[in-house]
Amino acid sequence: MRIADMDWRMVEDYTRHDDRAVLVLGSTEQHAALSLATDAILAERIAVAAAEAEGVPVFPTIPFGLAPYFAGFPGSVTLRVATFAALLRDVLDSLKRSGFRRVLIVNGHGGNHPALAIAQEWMMDNPDTRVRLHDWWTGPETSAALDAIDPVRGHAGWMENFPDTRIPGRAAPESLPPAVDVAQLRTMPPFEVRSLLEDGGFRGAWQHDDARVGAALDVAIAETRALLAAW
């Protein structure tokens, strides 16, 4: 269930018998012809569906993350690492004050990986809590399901290409540019990244069959649900 569908009394009642919550991390950044909010859309979709069966509340997605390399693309938003750390710590502090002690963070953006160290540091200061960071696409079952479709997964490619992340009327390429040296990309300032990537996507196919990719997303939902149930 979504926190947006609860009032504060419902939260108070809930924490009398359960202390689990889900926090979603996304990003607002270029995804070639896909929505700038792709990372937030997919992570929230998976988190809400996974939490429904367990009756665990899902907090609104944090739509901004760490994406400095895409700062040269209009519409992309990036936080500084210090800002991101302070934001995440403040949110976790607030969840604890509300009675939540076990928080599953469902992350939709690879650049948000510092969240793991931030959460571990926060637990050092709050030893009566547990926080787990889950990158939805990296679970073993999900990864296997994705690899069965296509082992080459690139930014703004088929793995993120769904009806709800597409922009109506926007022309889409048949394929993405060839492999990009990601290590090299990370050494470049934003204007050079934009020149290198052109429209923003790279590596692999632009789109695969919606039913097959949707089935892999169902695996991601089931795997995320299992993490919640195991707590």
C-alpha atoms as a PDB file:
ATOM      1  CA  MET A   1       0.000   0.000   0.000  1.00  0.00           C
ATOM      2  CA  ARG A   2       1.101   3.546  -0.640  1.00  0.00           C
ATOM      3  CA  ILE A   3       1.628   6.034   2.160  1.00  0.00           C
ATOM      4  CA  ALA A   4      -0.333   8.412  -0.076  1.00  0.00           C
ATOM      5  CA  ASP A   5      -3.417   6.281   0.684  1.00  0.00           C
ATOM      6  CA  MET A   6      -2.927   6.468   4.473  1.00  0.00           C
ATOM      7  CA  ASP A   7      -3.332   9.104   7.141  1.00  0.00           C
ATOM      8  CA  TRP A   8      -1.149   9.437  10.217  1.00  0.00           C
ATOM      9  CA  ARG A   9      -3.497   7.420  12.447  1.00  0.00           C
ATOM     10  CA  MET A  10      -3.340   4.518  10.018  1.00  0.00           C
ATOM     11  CA  VAL A  11       0.470   4.624  10.179  1.00  0.00           C
ATOM     12  CA  GLU A  12       0.359   4.675  13.976  1.00  0.00           C
ATOM     13  CA  ASP A  13      -1.952   1.656  13.982  1.00  0.00           C
ATOM     14  CA  TYR A  14       0.227  -0.167  11.458  1.00  0.00           C
ATOM     15  CA  THR A  15       3.451   0.252  13.459  1.00  0.00           C
ATOM     16  CA  ARG A  16       1.808  -1.361  16.483  1.00  0.00           C
ATOM     17  CA  HIS A  17       2.031  -4.732  14.733  1.00  0.00           C
ATOM     18  CA  ASP A  18       4.644  -4.274  11.979  1.00  0.00           C
ATOM     19  CA  ASP A  19       7.757  -2.105  11.652  1.00  0.00           C
ATOM     20  CA  ARG A  20       8.544  -2.636   7.951  1.00  0.00           C
ATOM     21  CA  ALA A  21       8.500   0.096   5.313  1.00  0.00           C
ATOM     22  CA  VAL A  22       9.648   0.496   1.724  1.00  0.00           C
ATOM     23  CA  LEU A  23      11.514   3.537   0.459  1.00  0.00           C
ATOM     24  CA  VAL A  24      12.015   3.996  -3.278  1.00  0.00           C
ATOM     25  CA  LEU A  25      15.012   5.750  -4.841  1.00  0.00           C
ATOM     26  CA  GLY A  26      14.871   6.962  -8.422  1.00  0.00           C
ATOM     27  CA  SER A  27      16.512   9.542 -10.623  1.00  0.00           C
ATOM     28  CA  THR A  28      15.452  12.223 -13.071  1.00  0.00           C
ATOM     29  CA  GLU A  29      17.870  11.964 -15.963  1.00  0.00           C
ATOM     30  CA  GLN A  30      18.051  11.558 -19.703  1.00  0.00           C
ATOM     31  CA  HIS A  31      17.002   8.196 -21.066  1.00  0.00           C
ATOM     32  CA  ALA A  32      17.303   8.957 -24.780  1.00  0.00           C
ATOM     33  CA  ALA A  33      13.752   8.719 -26.190  1.00  0.00           C
ATOM     34  CA  LEU A  34      12.358   7.369 -22.911  1.00  0.00           C
ATOM     35  CA  SER A  35      10.957   9.385 -20.007  1.00  0.00           C
ATOM     36  CA  LEU A  36      13.345  11.409 -17.876  1.00  0.00           C
ATOM     37  CA  ALA A  37      11.624   9.735 -14.890  1.00  0.00           C
ATOM     38  CA  THR A  38      12.260   6.164 -16.125  1.00  0.00           C
ATOM     39  CA  ASP A  39      14.289   5.094 -13.078  1.00  0.00           C
ATOM     40  CA  ALA A  40      11.639   6.375 -10.673  1.00  0.00           C
ATOM     41  CA  ILE A  41       8.738   4.904 -12.662  1.00  0.00           C
ATOM     42  CA  LEU A  42      10.147   1.374 -12.770  1.00  0.00           C
ATOM     43  CA  ALA A  43      11.400   1.261  -9.178  1.00  0.00           C
ATOM     44  CA  GLU A  44       8.071   2.497  -7.825  1.00  0.00           C
ATOM     45  CA  ARG A  45       6.119   0.065  -9.969  1.00  0.00           C
ATOM     46  CA  ILE A  46       8.137  -2.864  -8.622  1.00  0.00           C
ATOM     47  CA  ALA A  47       8.081  -1.654  -5.012  1.00  0.00           C
ATOM     48  CA  VAL A  48       4.325  -1.041  -4.866  1.00  0.00           C
ATOM     49  CA  ALA A  49       3.472  -4.378  -6.476  1.00  0.00           C
ATOM     50  CA  ALA A  50       5.904  -6.254  -4.211  1.00  0.00           C
ATOM     51  CA  ALA A  51       4.693  -4.600  -1.008  1.00  0.00           C
ATOM     52  CA  GLU A  52       0.991  -5.076  -1.742  1.00  0.00           C
ATOM     53  CA  ALA A  53       0.924  -8.765  -0.826  1.00  0.00           C
ATOM     54  CA  GLU A  54       2.746  -8.073   2.444  1.00  0.00           C
ATOM     55  CA  GLY A  55       0.649  -5.025   3.331  1.00  0.00           C
ATOM     56  CA  VAL A  56       3.797  -2.934   3.804  1.00  0.00           C
ATOM     57  CA  PRO A  57       3.558   0.820   3.222  1.00  0.00           C
ATOM     58  CA  VAL A  58       5.590   2.319   0.380  1.00  0.00           C
ATOM     59  CA  PHE A  59       6.774   5.895   0.775  1.00  0.00           C
ATOM     60  CA  PRO A  60       6.733   8.288  -2.189  1.00  0.00           C
ATOM     61  CA  THR A  61       9.664   7.848  -4.525  1.00  0.00           C
ATOM     62  CA  ILE A  62      12.617  10.175  -4.074  1.00  0.00           C
ATOM     63  CA  PRO A  63      12.866  11.300  -7.715  1.00  0.00           C
ATOM     64  CA  PHE A  64      16.347  12.825  -7.605  1.00  0.00           C
ATOM     65  CA  GLY A  65      19.623  10.964  -7.258  1.00  0.00           C
ATOM     66  CA  LEU A  66      23.261  11.064  -8.329  1.00  0.00           C
ATOM     67  CA  ALA A  67      23.692  11.590 -12.074  1.00  0.00           C
ATOM     68  CA  PRO A  68      26.400  14.238 -12.598  1.00  0.00           C
ATOM     69  CA  TYR A  69      27.587  12.622 -15.834  1.00  0.00           C
ATOM     70  CA  PHE A  70      24.235  13.440 -17.476  1.00  0.00           C
ATOM     71  CA  ALA A  71      24.166  17.067 -16.375  1.00  0.00           C
ATOM     72  CA  GLY A  72      24.755  18.162 -19.970  1.00  0.00           C
ATOM     73  CA  PHE A  73      21.335  16.846 -21.024  1.00  0.00           C
ATOM     74  CA  PRO A  74      18.460  19.307 -20.352  1.00  0.00           C
ATOM     75  CA  GLY A  75      15.947  18.044 -17.800  1.00  0.00           C
ATOM     76  CA  SER A  76      18.467  15.868 -15.968  1.00  0.00           C
ATOM     77  CA  VAL A  77      18.748  16.608 -12.251  1.00  0.00           C
ATOM     78  CA  THR A  78      21.598  15.568  -9.994  1.00  0.00           C
ATOM     79  CA  LEU A  79      22.225  16.017  -6.294  1.00  0.00           C
ATOM     80  CA  ARG A  80      25.625  16.448  -4.731  1.00  0.00           C
ATOM     81  CA  VAL A  81      26.748  13.403  -2.772  1.00  0.00           C
ATOM     82  CA  ALA A  82      26.622  15.368   0.486  1.00  0.00           C
ATOM     83  CA  THR A  83      23.061  16.485  -0.288  1.00  0.00           C
ATOM     84  CA  PHE A  84      22.015  12.944  -1.187  1.00  0.00           C
ATOM     85  CA  ALA A  85      23.537  11.587   2.030  1.00  0.00           C
ATOM     86  CA  ALA A  86      21.859  14.249   4.172  1.00  0.00           C
ATOM     87  CA  LEU A  87      18.519  13.670   2.467  1.00  0.00           C
ATOM     88  CA  LEU A  88      18.631   9.906   2.938  1.00  0.00           C
ATOM     89  CA  ARG A  89      19.693  10.192   6.560  1.00  0.00           C
ATOM     90  CA  ASP A  90      16.906  12.690   7.293  1.00  0.00           C
ATOM     91  CA  VAL A  91      14.326  10.398   5.693  1.00  0.00           C
ATOM     92  CA  LEU A  92      15.558   7.380   7.661  1.00  0.00           C
ATOM     93  CA  ASP A  93      15.500   9.435  10.861  1.00  0.00           C
ATOM     94  CA  SER A  94      11.890  10.351  10.141  1.00  0.00           C
ATOM     95  CA  LEU A  95      10.892   6.761   9.435  1.00  0.00           C
ATOM     96  CA  LYS A  96      12.432   5.664  12.711  1.00  0.00           C
ATOM     97  CA  ARG A  97      10.555   8.362  14.622  1.00  0.00           C
ATOM     98  CA  SER A  98       7.354   7.049  13.055  1.00  0.00           C
ATOM     99  CA  GLY A  99       8.037   3.569  14.422  1.00  0.00           C
ATOM    100  CA  PHE A 100       9.612   1.860  11.433  1.00  0.00           C
ATOM    101  CA  ARG A 101      12.658  -0.258  12.239  1.00  0.00           C
ATOM    102  CA  ARG A 102      13.084  -2.328   9.060  1.00  0.00           C
ATOM    103  CA  VAL A 103      13.379  -0.406   5.808  1.00  0.00           C
ATOM    104  CA  LEU A 104      13.801  -1.935   2.377  1.00  0.00           C
ATOM    105  CA  ILE A 105      15.177   0.585  -0.100  1.00  0.00           C
ATOM    106  CA  VAL A 106      14.189  -0.325  -3.660  1.00  0.00           C
ATOM    107  CA  ASN A 107      16.631   1.486  -5.915  1.00  0.00           C
ATOM    108  CA  GLY A 108      16.067   2.196  -9.596  1.00  0.00           C
ATOM    109  CA  HIS A 109      19.281   4.013 -10.497  1.00  0.00           C
ATOM    110  CA  GLY A 110      22.790   2.574 -10.581  1.00  0.00           C
ATOM    111  CA  GLY A 111      24.346   5.935  -9.751  1.00  0.00           C
ATOM    112  CA  ASN A 112      22.668   5.832  -6.330  1.00  0.00           C
ATOM    113  CA  HIS A 113      25.036   3.131  -5.047  1.00  0.00           C
ATOM    114  CA  PRO A 114      26.478   5.415  -2.314  1.00  0.00           C
ATOM    115  CA  ALA A 115      23.120   4.854  -0.601  1.00  0.00           C
ATOM    116  CA  LEU A 116      24.455   1.501   0.620  1.00  0.00           C
ATOM    117  CA  ALA A 117      27.344   3.083   2.531  1.00  0.00           C
ATOM    118  CA  ILE A 118      25.051   5.846   3.801  1.00  0.00           C
ATOM    119  CA  ALA A 119      22.556   3.295   5.104  1.00  0.00           C
ATOM    120  CA  GLN A 120      25.284   1.247   6.780  1.00  0.00           C
ATOM    121  CA  GLU A 121      26.681   4.352   8.431  1.00  0.00           C
ATOM    122  CA  TRP A 122      23.187   5.282   9.599  1.00  0.00           C
ATOM    123  CA  MET A 123      22.694   1.811  11.095  1.00  0.00           C
ATOM    124  CA  MET A 124      25.980   2.262  12.961  1.00  0.00           C
ATOM    125  CA  ASP A 125      24.328   5.220  14.691  1.00  0.00           C
ATOM    126  CA  ASN A 126      20.970   3.417  14.975  1.00  0.00           C
ATOM    127  CA  PRO A 127      21.799  -0.194  15.905  1.00  0.00           C
ATOM    128  CA  ASP A 128      18.164  -1.022  16.648  1.00  0.00           C
ATOM    129  CA  THR A 129      17.261  -0.678  12.954  1.00  0.00           C
ATOM    130  CA  ARG A 130      17.804  -2.642   9.764  1.00  0.00           C
ATOM    131  CA  VAL A 131      18.086  -1.165   6.269  1.00  0.00           C
ATOM    132  CA  ARG A 132      18.575  -3.131   3.080  1.00  0.00           C
ATOM    133  CA  LEU A 133      19.342  -1.658  -0.333  1.00  0.00           C
ATOM    134  CA  HIS A 134      17.916  -3.611  -3.259  1.00  0.00           C
ATOM    135  CA  ASP A 135      18.805  -2.698  -6.851  1.00  0.00           C
ATOM    136  CA  TRP A 136      15.783  -4.297  -8.499  1.00  0.00           C
ATOM    137  CA  TRP A 137      17.620  -5.476 -11.638  1.00  0.00           C
ATOM    138  CA  THR A 138      20.486  -7.221  -9.807  1.00  0.00           C
ATOM    139  CA  GLY A 139      18.659  -9.938  -7.892  1.00  0.00           C
ATOM    140  CA  PRO A 140      19.876 -13.378  -9.048  1.00  0.00           C
ATOM    141  CA  GLU A 141      16.493 -14.525 -10.363  1.00  0.00           C
ATOM    142  CA  THR A 142      15.778 -11.203 -12.044  1.00  0.00           C
ATOM    143  CA  SER A 143      19.238 -11.033 -13.563  1.00  0.00           C
ATOM    144  CA  ALA A 144      18.833 -14.548 -14.953  1.00  0.00           C
ATOM    145  CA  ALA A 145      15.437 -13.676 -16.425  1.00  0.00           C
ATOM    146  CA  LEU A 146      16.875 -10.581 -18.086  1.00  0.00           C
ATOM    147  CA  ASP A 147      19.908 -12.451 -19.413  1.00  0.00           C
ATOM    148  CA  ALA A 148      17.580 -15.029 -20.971  1.00  0.00           C
ATOM    149  CA  ILE A 149      16.115 -12.230 -23.082  1.00  0.00           C
ATOM    150  CA  ASP A 150      19.370 -10.491 -23.954  1.00  0.00           C
ATOM    151  CA  PRO A 151      22.640 -10.429 -21.970  1.00  0.00           C
ATOM    152  CA  VAL A 152      23.517  -6.987 -23.367  1.00  0.00           C
ATOM    153  CA  ARG A 153      21.768  -4.311 -21.322  1.00  0.00           C
ATOM    154  CA  GLY A 154      22.542  -0.684 -21.973  1.00  0.00           C
ATOM    155  CA  HIS A 155      21.395   2.640 -20.639  1.00  0.00           C
ATOM    156  CA  ALA A 156      17.960   3.676 -21.967  1.00  0.00           C
ATOM    157  CA  GLY A 157      17.677   0.378 -23.802  1.00  0.00           C
ATOM    158  CA  TRP A 158      15.285  -2.559 -23.862  1.00  0.00           C
ATOM    159  CA  MET A 159      15.457  -3.311 -20.132  1.00  0.00           C
ATOM    160  CA  GLU A 160      13.975   0.123 -19.368  1.00  0.00           C
ATOM    161  CA  ASN A 161      11.695   0.305 -22.388  1.00  0.00           C
ATOM    162  CA  PHE A 162       8.066  -0.197 -21.294  1.00  0.00           C
ATOM    163  CA  PRO A 163       4.776   1.379 -22.364  1.00  0.00           C
ATOM    164  CA  ASP A 164       4.794   3.558 -19.241  1.00  0.00           C
ATOM    165  CA  THR A 165       8.356   4.827 -19.812  1.00  0.00           C
ATOM    166  CA  ARG A 166       7.878   5.658 -23.498  1.00  0.00           C
ATOM    167  CA  ILE A 167       6.997   9.140 -24.703  1.00  0.00           C
ATOM    168  CA  PRO A 168       4.049   9.066 -27.130  1.00  0.00           C
ATOM    169  CA  GLY A 169       4.959  10.345 -30.555  1.00  0.00           C
ATOM    170  CA  ARG A 170       8.710  10.282 -30.005  1.00  0.00           C
ATOM    171  CA  ALA A 171      10.660   8.521 -32.737  1.00  0.00           C
ATOM    172  CA  ALA A 172      12.736   5.617 -31.443  1.00  0.00           C
ATOM    173  CA  PRO A 173      15.886   4.091 -32.937  1.00  0.00           C
ATOM    174  CA  GLU A 174      15.974   0.466 -33.998  1.00  0.00           C
ATOM    175  CA  SER A 175      19.132  -0.038 -31.962  1.00  0.00           C
ATOM    176  CA  LEU A 176      21.455   1.867 -29.672  1.00  0.00           C
ATOM    177  CA  PRO A 177      25.015   2.957 -30.449  1.00  0.00           C
ATOM    178  CA  PRO A 178      27.728   0.303 -30.005  1.00  0.00           C
ATOM    179  CA  ALA A 179      29.410  -0.419 -26.715  1.00  0.00           C
ATOM    180  CA  VAL A 180      30.688   2.585 -24.808  1.00  0.00           C
ATOM    181  CA  ASP A 181      33.664   2.448 -22.478  1.00  0.00           C
ATOM    182  CA  VAL A 182      31.809   3.239 -19.266  1.00  0.00           C
ATOM    183  CA  ALA A 183      35.045   3.584 -17.298  1.00  0.00           C
ATOM    184  CA  GLN A 184      36.184   6.242 -19.749  1.00  0.00           C
ATOM    185  CA  LEU A 185      32.780   7.917 -19.690  1.00  0.00           C
ATOM    186  CA  ARG A 186      33.109   8.366 -15.937  1.00  0.00           C
ATOM    187  CA  THR A 187      36.277  10.400 -16.417  1.00  0.00           C
ATOM    188  CA  MET A 188      34.560  12.924 -18.715  1.00  0.00           C
ATOM    189  CA  PRO A 189      32.839  16.214 -17.858  1.00  0.00           C
ATOM    190  CA  PRO A 190      29.123  16.392 -18.774  1.00  0.00           C
ATOM    191  CA  PHE A 191      29.533  18.218 -22.105  1.00  0.00           C
ATOM    192  CA  GLU A 192      31.919  15.505 -23.356  1.00  0.00           C
ATOM    193  CA  VAL A 193      29.519  12.779 -22.204  1.00  0.00           C
ATOM    194  CA  ARG A 194      26.755  14.381 -24.245  1.00  0.00           C
ATOM    195  CA  SER A 195      29.003  14.553 -27.318  1.00  0.00           C
ATOM    196  CA  LEU A 196      29.972  10.904 -26.878  1.00  0.00           C
ATOM    197  CA  LEU A 197      26.448   9.568 -26.368  1.00  0.00           C
ATOM    198  CA  GLU A 198      24.601  11.817 -28.825  1.00  0.00           C
ATOM    199  CA  ASP A 199      20.935  11.076 -27.950  1.00  0.00           C
ATOM    200  CA  GLY A 200      21.894   9.527 -24.596  1.00  0.00           C
ATOM    201  CA  GLY A 201      21.408   5.788 -25.043  1.00  0.00           C
ATOM    202  CA  PHE A 202      24.132   3.225 -25.467  1.00  0.00           C
ATOM    203  CA  ARG A 203      24.754  -0.491 -25.875  1.00  0.00           C
ATOM    204  CA  GLY A 204      22.418  -3.175 -27.095  1.00  0.00           C
ATOM    205  CA  ALA A 205      18.910  -3.367 -28.460  1.00  0.00           C
ATOM    206  CA  TRP A 206      16.431  -0.546 -28.109  1.00  0.00           C
ATOM    207  CA  GLN A 207      13.390  -2.787 -27.601  1.00  0.00           C
ATOM    208  CA  HIS A 208      12.361  -6.414 -27.155  1.00  0.00           C
ATOM    209  CA  ASP A 209       8.934  -8.001 -26.976  1.00  0.00           C
ATOM    210  CA  ASP A 210       6.861  -6.263 -24.286  1.00  0.00           C
ATOM    211  CA  ALA A 211       5.433  -9.537 -22.982  1.00  0.00           C
ATOM    212  CA  ARG A 212       8.873 -11.090 -22.449  1.00  0.00           C
ATOM    213  CA  VAL A 213      10.301  -8.003 -20.775  1.00  0.00           C
ATOM    214  CA  GLY A 214       7.137  -7.661 -18.683  1.00  0.00           C
ATOM    215  CA  ALA A 215       7.542 -11.249 -17.505  1.00  0.00           C
ATOM    216  CA  ALA A 216      11.080 -10.442 -16.346  1.00  0.00           C
ATOM    217  CA  LEU A 217       9.684  -7.468 -14.454  1.00  0.00           C
ATOM    218  CA  ASP A 218       7.228  -9.836 -12.751  1.00  0.00           C
ATOM    219  CA  VAL A 219      10.241 -11.854 -11.592  1.00  0.00           C
ATOM    220  CA  ALA A 220      11.728  -8.663 -10.151  1.00  0.00           C
ATOM    221  CA  ILE A 221       8.471  -8.009  -8.286  1.00  0.00           C
ATOM    222  CA  ALA A 222       8.400 -11.553  -6.894  1.00  0.00           C
ATOM    223  CA  GLU A 223      12.043 -11.353  -5.829  1.00  0.00           C
ATOM    224  CA  THR A 224      11.466  -8.017  -4.091  1.00  0.00           C
ATOM    225  CA  ARG A 225       8.379  -9.409  -2.380  1.00  0.00           C
ATOM    226  CA  ALA A 226      10.426 -12.346  -1.106  1.00  0.00           C
ATOM    227  CA  LEU A 227      12.907  -9.945   0.495  1.00  0.00           C
ATOM    228  CA  LEU A 228      10.063  -8.289   2.380  1.00  0.00           C
ATOM    229  CA  ALA A 229       8.509 -11.589   3.408  1.00  0.00           C
ATOM    230  CA  ALA A 230      11.846 -12.874   4.717  1.00  0.00           C
ATOM    231  CA  TRP A 231      11.884 -10.017   7.228  1.00  0.00           C
END
